[in-house]
């Protein structure tokens, strides 16, 4: 029996995943959460066999969770989920070395295959990801390259992506809305 932690902010999808996994004789859901920071903490504490993790989450994003889990819990397999997969995002996810990637539009049958593949020690990419591989391979080395951003710049971008206003971001980070880096990133 392999233990699974689910980190997904969409309640309906989280519940569906929980039901799907609970119906598998070889898998057991040990916890769920919708917050990235909480999910990372839970993962490091509970040490699941498999982490099913959305890429875009409030708190800490899924790529950062994936990188930390792969670094600190190398035996934990990570299955990444996302509703939006453009070439830049696929590249970032692949660089974090997940054991599987599934687009949310794939459906429960694909998700079930992905879970069993990852649980068996195989790498799994959903058909949508595989179809994008030629485009990924032909993409420029710097297409969508966020690696050159500082951690603080990425933090600002994450808060923007979460829909925070300029003032809310400045308050959360304890900076002025006139900070040069902040002005550039919020234009």
N, C-alpha and C. Protein backbone atom coordinates (compact mmCIF):
# COMPACT_ATOMS: atom_id res chain seq x y z
N UNK A 1 0.86 -1.18 0.00
CA UNK A 1 0.00 0.00 0.00
C UNK A 1 0.90 1.24 0.00
N UNK A 2 0.66 2.14 -0.98
CA UNK A 2 1.44 3.37 -1.06
C UNK A 2 0.58 4.54 -0.59
N UNK A 3 1.17 5.38 0.24
CA UNK A 3 0.48 6.55 0.78
C UNK A 3 0.60 7.73 -0.16
N UNK A 4 -0.52 8.45 -0.33
CA UNK A 4 -0.59 9.57 -1.27
C UNK A 4 -1.04 10.83 -0.54
N UNK A 5 -0.36 11.93 -0.83
CA UNK A 5 -0.75 13.26 -0.35
C UNK A 5 -1.22 14.04 -1.57
N UNK A 6 -2.37 14.69 -1.46
CA UNK A 6 -2.92 15.49 -2.56
C UNK A 6 -2.84 16.97 -2.19
N UNK A 7 -2.20 17.77 -3.05
CA UNK A 7 -2.15 19.22 -2.88
C UNK A 7 -2.78 19.83 -4.12
N UNK A 8 -4.02 20.26 -3.98
CA UNK A 8 -4.82 20.79 -5.09
C UNK A 8 -5.78 21.83 -4.52
N UNK A 9 -5.77 23.04 -5.07
CA UNK A 9 -6.59 24.11 -4.52
C UNK A 9 -8.04 24.08 -4.99
N UNK A 10 -8.36 23.39 -6.06
CA UNK A 10 -9.74 23.30 -6.53
C UNK A 10 -10.43 22.16 -5.76
N UNK A 11 -11.39 22.52 -4.92
CA UNK A 11 -12.01 21.57 -4.01
C UNK A 11 -12.66 20.40 -4.75
N UNK A 12 -13.38 20.67 -5.80
CA UNK A 12 -14.04 19.60 -6.55
C UNK A 12 -13.02 18.61 -7.08
N UNK A 13 -11.96 19.10 -7.70
CA UNK A 13 -10.93 18.21 -8.24
C UNK A 13 -10.23 17.46 -7.12
N UNK A 14 -9.94 18.14 -6.02
CA UNK A 14 -9.29 17.48 -4.88
C UNK A 14 -10.16 16.33 -4.37
N UNK A 15 -11.47 16.56 -4.26
CA UNK A 15 -12.39 15.52 -3.81
C UNK A 15 -12.46 14.36 -4.80
N UNK A 16 -12.48 14.68 -6.11
CA UNK A 16 -12.51 13.63 -7.14
C UNK A 16 -11.23 12.80 -7.10
N UNK A 17 -10.09 13.46 -6.94
CA UNK A 17 -8.82 12.74 -6.84
C UNK A 17 -8.80 11.84 -5.61
N UNK A 18 -9.30 12.37 -4.52
CA UNK A 18 -9.36 11.60 -3.27
C UNK A 18 -10.21 10.34 -3.47
N UNK A 19 -11.37 10.48 -4.09
CA UNK A 19 -12.24 9.33 -4.36
C UNK A 19 -11.56 8.34 -5.31
N UNK A 20 -10.95 8.85 -6.38
CA UNK A 20 -10.28 7.98 -7.35
C UNK A 20 -9.18 7.17 -6.67
N UNK A 21 -8.36 7.84 -5.88
CA UNK A 21 -7.24 7.17 -5.22
C UNK A 21 -7.73 6.20 -4.14
N UNK A 22 -8.75 6.60 -3.41
CA UNK A 22 -9.29 5.74 -2.35
C UNK A 22 -9.88 4.45 -2.91
N UNK A 23 -10.29 4.46 -4.16
CA UNK A 23 -10.85 3.26 -4.79
C UNK A 23 -9.78 2.34 -5.39
N UNK A 24 -8.52 2.71 -5.27
CA UNK A 24 -7.42 1.87 -5.78
C UNK A 24 -6.93 0.99 -4.62
N UNK A 25 -6.87 -0.32 -4.82
CA UNK A 25 -6.49 -1.22 -3.71
C UNK A 25 -5.06 -1.03 -3.22
N UNK A 26 -4.19 -0.46 -4.05
CA UNK A 26 -2.79 -0.32 -3.68
C UNK A 26 -2.40 1.09 -3.25
N UNK A 27 -3.40 2.00 -3.19
CA UNK A 27 -3.12 3.40 -2.83
C UNK A 27 -4.00 3.84 -1.67
N UNK A 28 -3.45 4.75 -0.86
CA UNK A 28 -4.15 5.25 0.31
C UNK A 28 -3.91 6.75 0.46
N UNK A 29 -4.96 7.55 0.51
CA UNK A 29 -4.82 9.00 0.71
C UNK A 29 -4.58 9.25 2.20
N UNK A 30 -3.45 9.87 2.52
CA UNK A 30 -3.15 10.15 3.92
C UNK A 30 -3.50 11.58 4.33
N UNK A 31 -3.59 12.49 3.34
CA UNK A 31 -3.96 13.87 3.66
C UNK A 31 -4.20 14.63 2.36
N UNK A 32 -4.94 15.74 2.48
CA UNK A 32 -5.18 16.64 1.36
C UNK A 32 -5.11 18.07 1.87
N UNK A 33 -4.77 18.98 0.96
CA UNK A 33 -4.79 20.40 1.28
C UNK A 33 -4.89 21.19 -0.02
N UNK A 34 -5.31 22.44 0.10
CA UNK A 34 -5.42 23.30 -1.06
C UNK A 34 -4.39 24.42 -1.07
N UNK A 35 -3.49 24.43 -0.10
CA UNK A 35 -2.50 25.50 0.03
C UNK A 35 -1.09 24.95 -0.20
N UNK A 36 -0.33 25.61 -1.04
CA UNK A 36 1.01 25.15 -1.37
C UNK A 36 1.96 25.09 -0.19
N UNK A 37 1.98 26.12 0.64
CA UNK A 37 2.88 26.13 1.80
C UNK A 37 2.53 25.01 2.77
N UNK A 38 1.24 24.85 3.02
CA UNK A 38 0.76 23.78 3.90
C UNK A 38 1.08 22.42 3.29
N UNK A 39 0.89 22.28 1.98
CA UNK A 39 1.18 21.02 1.30
C UNK A 39 2.64 20.63 1.40
N UNK A 40 3.52 21.59 1.24
CA UNK A 40 4.96 21.32 1.35
C UNK A 40 5.30 20.88 2.76
N UNK A 41 4.78 21.59 3.74
CA UNK A 41 5.02 21.24 5.14
C UNK A 41 4.51 19.83 5.44
N UNK A 42 3.29 19.54 4.99
CA UNK A 42 2.70 18.22 5.22
C UNK A 42 3.52 17.13 4.56
N UNK A 43 3.99 17.39 3.35
CA UNK A 43 4.77 16.40 2.62
C UNK A 43 6.06 16.08 3.36
N UNK A 44 6.76 17.10 3.80
CA UNK A 44 8.02 16.89 4.50
C UNK A 44 7.81 16.19 5.84
N UNK A 45 6.66 16.43 6.46
CA UNK A 45 6.35 15.80 7.75
C UNK A 45 5.85 14.36 7.56
N UNK A 46 4.92 14.14 6.61
CA UNK A 46 4.28 12.84 6.45
C UNK A 46 5.07 11.86 5.57
N UNK A 47 5.96 12.41 4.73
CA UNK A 47 6.79 11.60 3.83
C UNK A 47 5.97 10.57 3.04
N UNK A 48 5.03 11.05 2.21
CA UNK A 48 4.21 10.11 1.43
C UNK A 48 5.05 9.40 0.36
N UNK A 49 4.52 8.30 -0.12
CA UNK A 49 5.17 7.60 -1.23
C UNK A 49 4.96 8.38 -2.52
N UNK A 50 3.77 9.00 -2.64
CA UNK A 50 3.42 9.77 -3.84
C UNK A 50 2.80 11.11 -3.43
N UNK A 51 3.26 12.17 -4.07
CA UNK A 51 2.68 13.49 -3.91
C UNK A 51 2.00 13.85 -5.22
N UNK A 52 0.69 14.11 -5.18
CA UNK A 52 -0.05 14.62 -6.33
C UNK A 52 -0.20 16.11 -6.08
N UNK A 53 0.42 16.92 -6.95
CA UNK A 53 0.53 18.35 -6.66
C UNK A 53 0.19 19.22 -7.86
N UNK A 54 -0.75 20.12 -7.66
CA UNK A 54 -1.06 21.12 -8.68
C UNK A 54 0.15 22.04 -8.82
N UNK A 55 0.32 22.61 -9.99
CA UNK A 55 1.44 23.52 -10.24
C UNK A 55 1.12 24.93 -9.77
N UNK A 56 -0.09 25.39 -9.99
CA UNK A 56 -0.45 26.75 -9.60
C UNK A 56 -1.29 26.69 -8.33
N UNK A 57 -0.69 27.12 -7.23
CA UNK A 57 -1.32 27.04 -5.92
C UNK A 57 -1.16 28.35 -5.17
N UNK A 58 -2.07 28.64 -4.26
CA UNK A 58 -1.83 29.78 -3.35
C UNK A 58 -0.74 29.38 -2.37
N UNK A 59 -0.02 30.36 -1.90
CA UNK A 59 1.08 30.08 -0.97
C UNK A 59 2.33 29.80 -1.77
N UNK A 60 2.78 28.58 -1.74
CA UNK A 60 3.97 28.14 -2.46
C UNK A 60 3.51 27.45 -3.74
N UNK A 61 4.12 27.76 -4.90
CA UNK A 61 3.66 27.12 -6.13
C UNK A 61 4.19 25.70 -6.24
N UNK A 62 3.55 24.91 -7.09
CA UNK A 62 3.86 23.50 -7.22
C UNK A 62 5.27 23.20 -7.69
N UNK A 63 5.84 24.05 -8.52
CA UNK A 63 7.21 23.81 -8.98
C UNK A 63 8.18 23.94 -7.82
N UNK A 64 7.97 24.94 -6.98
CA UNK A 64 8.84 25.10 -5.81
C UNK A 64 8.67 23.92 -4.84
N UNK A 65 7.45 23.44 -4.68
CA UNK A 65 7.20 22.27 -3.83
C UNK A 65 7.93 21.06 -4.43
N UNK A 66 7.77 20.87 -5.73
CA UNK A 66 8.40 19.74 -6.41
C UNK A 66 9.92 19.76 -6.20
N UNK A 67 10.53 20.91 -6.39
CA UNK A 67 11.98 21.03 -6.23
C UNK A 67 12.40 20.69 -4.80
N UNK A 68 11.66 21.20 -3.84
CA UNK A 68 12.01 20.95 -2.44
C UNK A 68 11.82 19.48 -2.07
N UNK A 69 10.71 18.90 -2.50
CA UNK A 69 10.44 17.49 -2.19
C UNK A 69 11.49 16.60 -2.85
N UNK A 70 11.82 16.86 -4.11
CA UNK A 70 12.83 16.05 -4.80
C UNK A 70 14.20 16.16 -4.11
N UNK A 71 14.48 17.32 -3.54
CA UNK A 71 15.74 17.53 -2.85
C UNK A 71 15.76 16.84 -1.49
N UNK A 72 14.68 17.00 -0.73
CA UNK A 72 14.66 16.51 0.65
C UNK A 72 14.07 15.11 0.83
N UNK A 73 13.21 14.69 -0.10
CA UNK A 73 12.59 13.36 -0.03
C UNK A 73 12.74 12.66 -1.38
N UNK A 74 13.95 12.25 -1.73
CA UNK A 74 14.17 11.69 -3.07
C UNK A 74 13.36 10.43 -3.38
N UNK A 75 12.87 9.73 -2.36
CA UNK A 75 12.08 8.52 -2.60
C UNK A 75 10.60 8.82 -2.85
N UNK A 76 10.17 10.05 -2.57
CA UNK A 76 8.77 10.42 -2.82
C UNK A 76 8.60 10.71 -4.31
N UNK A 77 7.63 10.05 -4.91
CA UNK A 77 7.33 10.26 -6.32
C UNK A 77 6.36 11.43 -6.42
N UNK A 78 6.55 12.29 -7.42
CA UNK A 78 5.71 13.47 -7.57
C UNK A 78 4.99 13.43 -8.92
N UNK A 79 3.67 13.56 -8.85
CA UNK A 79 2.83 13.65 -10.04
C UNK A 79 2.30 15.08 -10.11
N UNK A 80 2.76 15.84 -11.10
CA UNK A 80 2.39 17.24 -11.26
C UNK A 80 1.11 17.38 -12.07
N UNK A 81 0.23 18.29 -11.64
CA UNK A 81 -1.03 18.57 -12.33
C UNK A 81 -1.08 20.04 -12.71
N UNK A 82 -1.69 20.34 -13.85
CA UNK A 82 -1.92 21.73 -14.17
C UNK A 82 -3.04 21.87 -15.19
N UNK A 83 -3.78 22.95 -15.06
CA UNK A 83 -4.83 23.27 -16.02
C UNK A 83 -4.29 24.09 -17.17
N UNK A 84 -3.13 24.68 -17.02
CA UNK A 84 -2.53 25.53 -18.04
C UNK A 84 -1.11 25.05 -18.26
N UNK A 85 -0.86 24.53 -19.45
CA UNK A 85 0.49 24.06 -19.78
C UNK A 85 0.94 24.66 -21.08
N UNK A 86 1.63 25.79 -21.01
CA UNK A 86 2.27 26.32 -22.21
C UNK A 86 3.70 25.79 -22.24
N UNK A 87 4.41 26.06 -23.30
CA UNK A 87 5.76 25.51 -23.46
C UNK A 87 6.69 25.94 -22.32
N UNK A 88 6.64 27.20 -21.93
CA UNK A 88 7.50 27.67 -20.85
C UNK A 88 7.20 26.92 -19.55
N UNK A 89 5.93 26.69 -19.25
CA UNK A 89 5.57 25.99 -18.02
C UNK A 89 6.01 24.53 -18.09
N UNK A 90 5.82 23.89 -19.22
CA UNK A 90 6.26 22.50 -19.35
C UNK A 90 7.76 22.40 -19.09
N UNK A 91 8.52 23.33 -19.68
CA UNK A 91 9.98 23.33 -19.47
C UNK A 91 10.33 23.48 -18.00
N UNK A 92 9.66 24.39 -17.31
CA UNK A 92 9.94 24.60 -15.89
C UNK A 92 9.59 23.37 -15.07
N UNK A 93 8.47 22.75 -15.40
CA UNK A 93 8.07 21.55 -14.66
C UNK A 93 9.06 20.43 -14.93
N UNK A 94 9.43 20.22 -16.19
CA UNK A 94 10.39 19.16 -16.52
C UNK A 94 11.73 19.37 -15.84
N UNK A 95 12.16 20.61 -15.72
CA UNK A 95 13.43 20.90 -15.05
C UNK A 95 13.39 20.52 -13.57
N UNK A 96 12.21 20.50 -12.99
CA UNK A 96 12.07 20.12 -11.58
C UNK A 96 12.02 18.59 -11.42
N UNK A 97 11.99 17.86 -12.51
CA UNK A 97 12.07 16.40 -12.56
C UNK A 97 10.94 15.67 -11.83
N UNK A 98 9.70 15.92 -12.25
CA UNK A 98 8.60 15.15 -11.66
C UNK A 98 8.61 13.73 -12.20
N UNK A 99 7.89 12.86 -11.53
CA UNK A 99 7.76 11.48 -11.99
C UNK A 99 6.61 11.36 -12.99
N UNK A 100 5.79 12.39 -13.06
CA UNK A 100 4.69 12.39 -14.01
C UNK A 100 4.10 13.78 -14.14
N UNK A 101 3.49 14.04 -15.29
CA UNK A 101 2.83 15.32 -15.55
C UNK A 101 1.49 15.01 -16.20
N UNK A 102 0.42 15.57 -15.65
CA UNK A 102 -0.91 15.38 -16.20
C UNK A 102 -1.61 16.72 -16.32
N UNK A 103 -2.17 16.99 -17.50
CA UNK A 103 -3.02 18.17 -17.65
C UNK A 103 -4.38 17.83 -17.06
N UNK A 104 -4.98 18.79 -16.39
CA UNK A 104 -6.27 18.56 -15.75
C UNK A 104 -7.36 18.20 -16.76
N UNK A 105 -7.21 18.64 -17.99
CA UNK A 105 -8.19 18.34 -19.02
C UNK A 105 -8.13 16.88 -19.48
N UNK A 106 -7.17 16.13 -18.99
CA UNK A 106 -6.97 14.75 -19.43
C UNK A 106 -8.08 13.80 -19.02
N UNK A 107 -8.68 14.01 -17.89
CA UNK A 107 -9.73 13.12 -17.43
C UNK A 107 -9.25 12.11 -16.41
N UNK A 108 -10.20 11.48 -15.73
CA UNK A 108 -9.89 10.56 -14.64
C UNK A 108 -9.22 9.27 -15.11
N UNK A 109 -9.54 8.78 -16.31
CA UNK A 109 -8.92 7.56 -16.81
C UNK A 109 -7.41 7.75 -16.99
N UNK A 110 -7.02 8.90 -17.54
CA UNK A 110 -5.59 9.21 -17.70
C UNK A 110 -4.95 9.38 -16.34
N UNK A 111 -5.64 10.03 -15.43
CA UNK A 111 -5.11 10.22 -14.08
C UNK A 111 -4.87 8.88 -13.39
N UNK A 112 -5.80 7.95 -13.56
CA UNK A 112 -5.64 6.62 -12.97
C UNK A 112 -4.40 5.92 -13.55
N UNK A 113 -4.21 6.00 -14.87
CA UNK A 113 -3.02 5.42 -15.51
C UNK A 113 -1.75 6.07 -14.96
N UNK A 114 -1.80 7.40 -14.81
CA UNK A 114 -0.63 8.13 -14.30
C UNK A 114 -0.29 7.68 -12.88
N UNK A 115 -1.30 7.54 -12.03
CA UNK A 115 -1.06 7.11 -10.65
C UNK A 115 -0.41 5.73 -10.60
N UNK A 116 -0.92 4.80 -11.40
CA UNK A 116 -0.37 3.44 -11.40
C UNK A 116 1.04 3.41 -11.98
N UNK A 117 1.27 4.20 -13.03
CA UNK A 117 2.62 4.26 -13.62
C UNK A 117 3.62 4.81 -12.61
N UNK A 118 3.29 5.92 -11.99
CA UNK A 118 4.19 6.55 -11.02
C UNK A 118 4.38 5.64 -9.81
N UNK A 119 3.32 5.02 -9.33
CA UNK A 119 3.41 4.10 -8.19
C UNK A 119 4.33 2.91 -8.50
N UNK A 120 4.38 2.52 -9.78
CA UNK A 120 5.22 1.40 -10.21
C UNK A 120 6.65 1.81 -10.53
N UNK A 121 6.95 3.09 -10.36
CA UNK A 121 8.30 3.58 -10.61
C UNK A 121 8.56 4.03 -12.04
N UNK A 122 7.50 4.18 -12.82
CA UNK A 122 7.64 4.65 -14.21
C UNK A 122 7.35 6.15 -14.29
N UNK A 123 7.84 6.77 -15.34
CA UNK A 123 7.54 8.18 -15.61
C UNK A 123 6.31 8.21 -16.51
N UNK A 124 5.41 9.16 -16.26
CA UNK A 124 4.18 9.25 -17.05
C UNK A 124 3.95 10.68 -17.49
N UNK A 125 3.73 10.87 -18.80
CA UNK A 125 3.31 12.16 -19.34
C UNK A 125 1.97 11.96 -20.02
N UNK A 126 1.02 12.82 -19.73
CA UNK A 126 -0.30 12.69 -20.35
C UNK A 126 -0.17 12.92 -21.85
N UNK A 127 -1.12 12.41 -22.63
CA UNK A 127 -1.06 12.57 -24.09
C UNK A 127 -0.92 14.02 -24.53
N UNK A 128 -1.54 14.95 -23.82
CA UNK A 128 -1.45 16.36 -24.19
C UNK A 128 -0.01 16.87 -24.07
N UNK A 129 0.69 16.41 -23.05
CA UNK A 129 2.09 16.82 -22.87
C UNK A 129 2.96 16.20 -23.96
N UNK A 130 2.73 14.94 -24.25
CA UNK A 130 3.51 14.27 -25.30
C UNK A 130 3.31 14.96 -26.65
N UNK A 131 2.08 15.38 -26.94
CA UNK A 131 1.81 16.08 -28.21
C UNK A 131 2.57 17.40 -28.30
N UNK A 132 2.89 18.01 -27.17
CA UNK A 132 3.59 19.30 -27.16
C UNK A 132 5.11 19.13 -27.18
N UNK A 133 5.61 17.90 -27.09
CA UNK A 133 7.05 17.67 -27.04
C UNK A 133 7.81 18.21 -28.26
N UNK A 134 7.32 18.02 -29.50
CA UNK A 134 8.07 18.58 -30.64
C UNK A 134 8.23 20.10 -30.52
N UNK A 135 7.18 20.77 -30.09
CA UNK A 135 7.25 22.22 -29.91
C UNK A 135 8.23 22.57 -28.80
N UNK A 136 8.22 21.78 -27.75
CA UNK A 136 9.13 21.99 -26.63
C UNK A 136 10.58 21.83 -27.07
N UNK A 137 10.84 20.81 -27.84
CA UNK A 137 12.21 20.55 -28.31
C UNK A 137 12.71 21.62 -29.27
N UNK A 138 11.80 22.24 -30.03
CA UNK A 138 12.21 23.27 -30.98
C UNK A 138 12.19 24.67 -30.39
N UNK A 139 11.68 24.82 -29.15
CA UNK A 139 11.61 26.13 -28.51
C UNK A 139 13.01 26.65 -28.21
N UNK A 140 13.15 27.95 -28.30
CA UNK A 140 14.41 28.60 -27.98
C UNK A 140 14.80 28.32 -26.54
N UNK A 141 16.08 28.29 -26.28
CA UNK A 141 16.60 28.04 -24.94
C UNK A 141 16.06 29.05 -23.92
N UNK A 142 15.75 30.25 -24.37
CA UNK A 142 15.32 31.30 -23.44
C UNK A 142 13.84 31.62 -23.52
N UNK A 143 13.05 30.83 -24.26
CA UNK A 143 11.61 31.06 -24.32
C UNK A 143 11.01 30.93 -22.93
N UNK A 144 10.39 31.98 -22.46
CA UNK A 144 9.73 31.94 -21.16
C UNK A 144 10.69 31.69 -20.01
N UNK A 145 11.95 32.04 -20.17
CA UNK A 145 12.96 31.76 -19.17
C UNK A 145 12.78 32.65 -17.94
N UNK A 146 12.37 32.03 -16.84
CA UNK A 146 12.21 32.77 -15.59
C UNK A 146 13.36 32.50 -14.63
N UNK A 147 14.29 31.66 -15.07
CA UNK A 147 15.39 31.28 -14.20
C UNK A 147 16.29 32.47 -13.86
N UNK A 148 16.29 33.48 -14.70
CA UNK A 148 17.15 34.64 -14.44
C UNK A 148 16.56 35.57 -13.39
N UNK A 149 15.31 35.35 -13.01
CA UNK A 149 14.69 36.19 -11.98
C UNK A 149 15.21 35.82 -10.60
N UNK A 150 15.30 36.81 -9.73
CA UNK A 150 15.68 36.55 -8.35
C UNK A 150 14.50 35.92 -7.62
N UNK A 151 14.76 35.28 -6.49
CA UNK A 151 13.65 34.72 -5.71
C UNK A 151 12.61 35.78 -5.34
N UNK A 152 13.05 37.00 -5.05
CA UNK A 152 12.12 38.06 -4.68
C UNK A 152 11.25 38.45 -5.88
N UNK A 153 11.85 38.52 -7.07
CA UNK A 153 11.09 38.83 -8.28
C UNK A 153 10.05 37.74 -8.56
N UNK A 154 10.45 36.49 -8.34
CA UNK A 154 9.50 35.38 -8.52
C UNK A 154 8.37 35.47 -7.51
N UNK A 155 8.70 35.89 -6.30
CA UNK A 155 7.69 36.04 -5.26
C UNK A 155 6.66 37.10 -5.67
N UNK A 156 7.14 38.21 -6.22
CA UNK A 156 6.24 39.27 -6.69
C UNK A 156 5.37 38.72 -7.83
N UNK A 157 5.98 38.01 -8.78
CA UNK A 157 5.21 37.44 -9.89
C UNK A 157 4.16 36.46 -9.39
N UNK A 158 4.50 35.64 -8.38
CA UNK A 158 3.54 34.69 -7.83
C UNK A 158 2.34 35.44 -7.23
N UNK A 159 2.60 36.51 -6.49
CA UNK A 159 1.52 37.29 -5.89
C UNK A 159 0.66 37.96 -6.96
N UNK A 160 1.29 38.40 -8.04
CA UNK A 160 0.53 38.98 -9.15
C UNK A 160 -0.37 37.90 -9.76
N UNK A 161 0.20 36.71 -9.98
CA UNK A 161 -0.56 35.61 -10.56
C UNK A 161 -1.74 35.20 -9.68
N UNK A 162 -1.61 35.40 -8.38
CA UNK A 162 -2.69 35.07 -7.45
C UNK A 162 -3.76 36.15 -7.40
N UNK A 163 -3.55 37.25 -8.16
CA UNK A 163 -4.58 38.28 -8.27
C UNK A 163 -4.50 39.38 -7.21
N UNK A 164 -3.38 39.47 -6.50
CA UNK A 164 -3.23 40.52 -5.49
C UNK A 164 -3.07 41.88 -6.17
N UNK A 165 -3.56 42.92 -5.51
CA UNK A 165 -3.38 44.27 -6.03
C UNK A 165 -1.96 44.75 -5.72
N UNK A 166 -1.55 45.82 -6.36
CA UNK A 166 -0.23 46.38 -6.13
C UNK A 166 -0.03 46.70 -4.65
N UNK A 167 -1.00 47.35 -4.04
CA UNK A 167 -0.89 47.70 -2.62
C UNK A 167 -0.82 46.46 -1.75
N UNK A 168 -1.63 45.43 -2.05
CA UNK A 168 -1.61 44.19 -1.26
C UNK A 168 -0.25 43.51 -1.34
N UNK A 169 0.33 43.51 -2.54
CA UNK A 169 1.65 42.90 -2.72
C UNK A 169 2.70 43.67 -1.93
N UNK A 170 2.67 44.99 -2.05
CA UNK A 170 3.64 45.81 -1.33
C UNK A 170 3.50 45.59 0.18
N UNK A 171 2.28 45.53 0.68
CA UNK A 171 2.05 45.30 2.11
C UNK A 171 2.57 43.92 2.54
N UNK A 172 2.27 42.90 1.75
CA UNK A 172 2.70 41.53 2.09
C UNK A 172 4.22 41.40 2.11
N UNK A 173 4.88 42.12 1.21
CA UNK A 173 6.34 42.02 1.11
C UNK A 173 7.07 43.06 1.95
N UNK A 174 6.32 44.00 2.51
CA UNK A 174 6.94 45.03 3.33
C UNK A 174 7.82 45.96 2.50
N UNK A 175 7.38 46.26 1.27
CA UNK A 175 8.14 47.16 0.40
C UNK A 175 7.21 48.27 -0.08
N UNK A 176 7.82 49.30 -0.63
CA UNK A 176 7.07 50.41 -1.19
C UNK A 176 6.63 50.06 -2.60
N UNK A 177 5.47 50.57 -3.00
CA UNK A 177 5.03 50.38 -4.38
C UNK A 177 5.97 51.10 -5.35
N UNK A 178 6.87 51.91 -4.83
CA UNK A 178 7.83 52.64 -5.66
C UNK A 178 9.18 51.92 -5.79
N UNK A 179 9.31 50.73 -5.21
CA UNK A 179 10.55 49.97 -5.33
C UNK A 179 10.78 49.67 -6.80
N UNK A 180 11.98 49.97 -7.35
CA UNK A 180 12.22 49.81 -8.79
C UNK A 180 11.85 48.42 -9.33
N UNK A 181 12.31 47.35 -8.70
CA UNK A 181 12.01 46.01 -9.17
C UNK A 181 10.50 45.77 -9.17
N UNK A 182 9.82 46.28 -8.17
CA UNK A 182 8.40 46.09 -8.03
C UNK A 182 7.66 46.82 -9.15
N UNK A 183 8.10 48.01 -9.49
CA UNK A 183 7.47 48.80 -10.55
C UNK A 183 7.60 48.07 -11.89
N UNK A 184 8.77 47.55 -12.21
CA UNK A 184 8.99 46.85 -13.47
C UNK A 184 8.10 45.62 -13.57
N UNK A 185 8.02 44.83 -12.50
CA UNK A 185 7.25 43.59 -12.54
C UNK A 185 5.75 43.81 -12.56
N UNK A 186 5.27 44.95 -12.12
CA UNK A 186 3.82 45.18 -12.08
C UNK A 186 3.32 46.02 -13.25
N UNK A 187 4.21 46.39 -14.17
CA UNK A 187 3.77 47.17 -15.32
C UNK A 187 2.90 46.37 -16.23
